[in-house]
Amino acid sequence: MTTIVRTVETCRSVPSQWDAWTSTGQYLYLRYRFGIGTVDAYDSPDETTWPDHPLGTLARFGESNWDGTIELEEFCERAGLVLAPDAVQVPWAEYDGRRA
């Protein structure tokens, strides 16, 4: 299983989304929009460098509906990710608008 050790909440809801890093240093983009959760791996959080639109290449869950809010713990559970007990979590209220 993939273990998440750091997250930055980049949007609180509609969609809920996070920049995340694994214990091996891999960057992941986590997003929950319209009832669908997706996990995609990229080289960096700079979306201008991403070769494709996030579609859930590593994980995808849910059913299409109007829901756009989910807590990180539930997202990880449903996506098959492990949130490390000592993971650094930067909440939306502290996000400065820079993806890094």
C-alpha atoms as a PDB file:
ATOM      1  CA  MET A   1       0.000   0.000   0.000  1.00  0.00           C
ATOM      2  CA  THR A   2       1.048   3.559  -0.660  1.00  0.00           C
ATOM      3  CA  THR A   3       1.731   5.636   2.463  1.00  0.00           C
ATOM      4  CA  ILE A   4       1.073   9.380   2.448  1.00  0.00           C
ATOM      5  CA  VAL A   5       3.484  11.377   4.641  1.00  0.00           C
ATOM      6  CA  ARG A   6       2.650  14.981   3.657  1.00  0.00           C
ATOM      7  CA  THR A   7      -0.439  16.740   2.310  1.00  0.00           C
ATOM      8  CA  VAL A   8      -1.408  20.269   1.374  1.00  0.00           C
ATOM      9  CA  GLU A   9      -5.139  20.887   1.071  1.00  0.00           C
ATOM     10  CA  THR A  10      -5.370  23.084  -2.039  1.00  0.00           C
ATOM     11  CA  CYS A  11      -9.172  23.300  -2.143  1.00  0.00           C
ATOM     12  CA  ARG A  12     -11.629  22.646   0.700  1.00  0.00           C
ATOM     13  CA  SER A  13     -14.633  21.529  -1.345  1.00  0.00           C
ATOM     14  CA  VAL A  14     -16.106  21.320  -4.832  1.00  0.00           C
ATOM     15  CA  PRO A  15     -13.631  19.846  -5.379  1.00  0.00           C
ATOM     16  CA  SER A  16     -11.850  18.627  -2.264  1.00  0.00           C
ATOM     17  CA  GLN A  17      -8.237  18.269  -3.362  1.00  0.00           C
ATOM     18  CA  TRP A  18      -4.748  17.810  -1.986  1.00  0.00           C
ATOM     19  CA  ASP A  19      -1.161  17.774  -3.096  1.00  0.00           C
ATOM     20  CA  ALA A  20       0.350  14.712  -1.423  1.00  0.00           C
ATOM     21  CA  TRP A  21       3.736  13.046  -1.114  1.00  0.00           C
ATOM     22  CA  THR A  22       4.401   9.401  -0.389  1.00  0.00           C
ATOM     23  CA  SER A  23       7.024   7.868   1.865  1.00  0.00           C
ATOM     24  CA  THR A  24       9.157   7.333  -1.269  1.00  0.00           C
ATOM     25  CA  GLY A  25       8.880  11.001  -2.311  1.00  0.00           C
ATOM     26  CA  GLN A  26       6.365  10.470  -5.127  1.00  0.00           C
ATOM     27  CA  TYR A  27       4.002  13.412  -5.705  1.00  0.00           C
ATOM     28  CA  LEU A  28       0.288  12.541  -5.923  1.00  0.00           C
ATOM     29  CA  TYR A  29      -2.677  14.700  -6.883  1.00  0.00           C
ATOM     30  CA  LEU A  30      -5.785  13.730  -4.877  1.00  0.00           C
ATOM     31  CA  ARG A  31      -9.154  15.062  -6.019  1.00  0.00           C
ATOM     32  CA  TYR A  32     -12.811  14.461  -5.144  1.00  0.00           C
ATOM     33  CA  ARG A  33     -15.333  16.084  -7.451  1.00  0.00           C
ATOM     34  CA  PHE A  34     -18.904  15.188  -8.435  1.00  0.00           C
ATOM     35  CA  GLY A  35     -18.752  12.088  -6.216  1.00  0.00           C
ATOM     36  CA  ILE A  36     -15.637  10.697  -7.910  1.00  0.00           C
ATOM     37  CA  GLY A  37     -12.272  10.398  -6.158  1.00  0.00           C
ATOM     38  CA  THR A  38      -9.107  10.195  -8.261  1.00  0.00           C
ATOM     39  CA  VAL A  39      -5.419   9.692  -7.512  1.00  0.00           C
ATOM     40  CA  ASP A  40      -2.766  10.522 -10.106  1.00  0.00           C
ATOM     41  CA  ALA A  41       1.045  10.528  -9.911  1.00  0.00           C
ATOM     42  CA  TYR A  42       3.131  13.284 -11.496  1.00  0.00           C
ATOM     43  CA  ASP A  43       6.746  14.439 -11.305  1.00  0.00           C
ATOM     44  CA  SER A  44       5.763  17.679  -9.554  1.00  0.00           C
ATOM     45  CA  PRO A  45       2.787  19.731  -8.341  1.00  0.00           C
ATOM     46  CA  ASP A  46       3.274  22.105 -11.315  1.00  0.00           C
ATOM     47  CA  GLU A  47       0.193  21.221 -13.352  1.00  0.00           C
ATOM     48  CA  THR A  48       1.632  22.917 -16.453  1.00  0.00           C
ATOM     49  CA  THR A  49       4.111  20.009 -16.649  1.00  0.00           C
ATOM     50  CA  TRP A  50       1.503  17.251 -16.396  1.00  0.00           C
ATOM     51  CA  PRO A  51       1.277  15.229 -19.623  1.00  0.00           C
ATOM     52  CA  ASP A  52      -2.434  14.506 -19.212  1.00  0.00           C
ATOM     53  CA  HIS A  53      -5.581  15.550 -17.380  1.00  0.00           C
ATOM     54  CA  PRO A  54      -6.078  13.817 -13.993  1.00  0.00           C
ATOM     55  CA  LEU A  55      -8.284  10.777 -14.572  1.00  0.00           C
ATOM     56  CA  GLY A  56      -7.438   8.486 -11.664  1.00  0.00           C
ATOM     57  CA  THR A  57      -4.593   6.457 -13.118  1.00  0.00           C
ATOM     58  CA  LEU A  58      -3.565   5.137  -9.666  1.00  0.00           C
ATOM     59  CA  ALA A  59      -6.988   4.971  -8.020  1.00  0.00           C
ATOM     60  CA  ARG A  60     -10.569   5.910  -8.779  1.00  0.00           C
ATOM     61  CA  PHE A  61     -13.666   5.482  -6.614  1.00  0.00           C
ATOM     62  CA  GLY A  62     -17.234   6.684  -6.210  1.00  0.00           C
ATOM     63  CA  GLU A  63     -20.287   7.305  -8.336  1.00  0.00           C
ATOM     64  CA  SER A  64     -21.138  10.423 -10.277  1.00  0.00           C
ATOM     65  CA  ASN A  65     -23.320  12.817  -8.273  1.00  0.00           C
ATOM     66  CA  TRP A  66     -23.197  16.422  -7.029  1.00  0.00           C
ATOM     67  CA  ASP A  67     -20.996  15.684  -3.992  1.00  0.00           C
ATOM     68  CA  GLY A  68     -17.706  17.567  -3.888  1.00  0.00           C
ATOM     69  CA  THR A  69     -16.648  17.397  -0.255  1.00  0.00           C
ATOM     70  CA  ILE A  70     -14.746  14.649   1.555  1.00  0.00           C
ATOM     71  CA  GLU A  71     -12.321  14.526   4.474  1.00  0.00           C
ATOM     72  CA  LEU A  72      -8.755  13.388   3.793  1.00  0.00           C
ATOM     73  CA  GLU A  73      -9.013  10.332   6.042  1.00  0.00           C
ATOM     74  CA  GLU A  74     -12.081   9.025   4.202  1.00  0.00           C
ATOM     75  CA  PHE A  75     -10.528   9.838   0.826  1.00  0.00           C
ATOM     76  CA  CYS A  76      -7.403   7.821   1.669  1.00  0.00           C
ATOM     77  CA  GLU A  77      -9.434   4.896   2.959  1.00  0.00           C
ATOM     78  CA  ARG A  78     -11.626   4.782  -0.150  1.00  0.00           C
ATOM     79  CA  ALA A  79      -8.625   5.190  -2.480  1.00  0.00           C
ATOM     80  CA  GLY A  80      -6.622   2.433  -0.776  1.00  0.00           C
ATOM     81  CA  LEU A  81      -3.988   4.838   0.554  1.00  0.00           C
ATOM     82  CA  VAL A  82      -2.490   4.842   4.042  1.00  0.00           C
ATOM     83  CA  LEU A  83      -2.244   8.191   5.815  1.00  0.00           C
ATOM     84  CA  ALA A  84       0.807   7.959   8.078  1.00  0.00           C
ATOM     85  CA  PRO A  85      -0.041   8.654  11.739  1.00  0.00           C
ATOM     86  CA  ASP A  86       2.610  11.392  11.814  1.00  0.00           C
ATOM     87  CA  ALA A  87       1.839  12.805   8.355  1.00  0.00           C
ATOM     88  CA  VAL A  88       2.358  16.550   7.973  1.00  0.00           C
ATOM     89  CA  GLN A  89      -1.012  18.034   6.972  1.00  0.00           C
ATOM     90  CA  VAL A  90      -1.275  21.638   5.807  1.00  0.00           C
ATOM     91  CA  PRO A  91      -4.970  22.621   5.964  1.00  0.00           C
ATOM     92  CA  TRP A  92      -6.779  24.858   3.488  1.00  0.00           C
ATOM     93  CA  ALA A  93      -6.775  27.725   6.015  1.00  0.00           C
ATOM     94  CA  GLU A  94      -2.948  27.769   5.885  1.00  0.00           C
ATOM     95  CA  TYR A  95      -2.582  27.159   2.129  1.00  0.00           C
ATOM     96  CA  ASP A  96      -0.928  30.173   0.529  1.00  0.00           C
ATOM     97  CA  GLY A  97      -2.002  29.491  -3.054  1.00  0.00           C
ATOM     98  CA  ARG A  98       1.345  28.141  -4.187  1.00  0.00           C
ATOM     99  CA  ARG A  99       1.564  24.523  -5.240  1.00  0.00           C
ATOM    100  CA  ALA A 100       4.795  23.080  -3.901  1.00  0.00           C
END
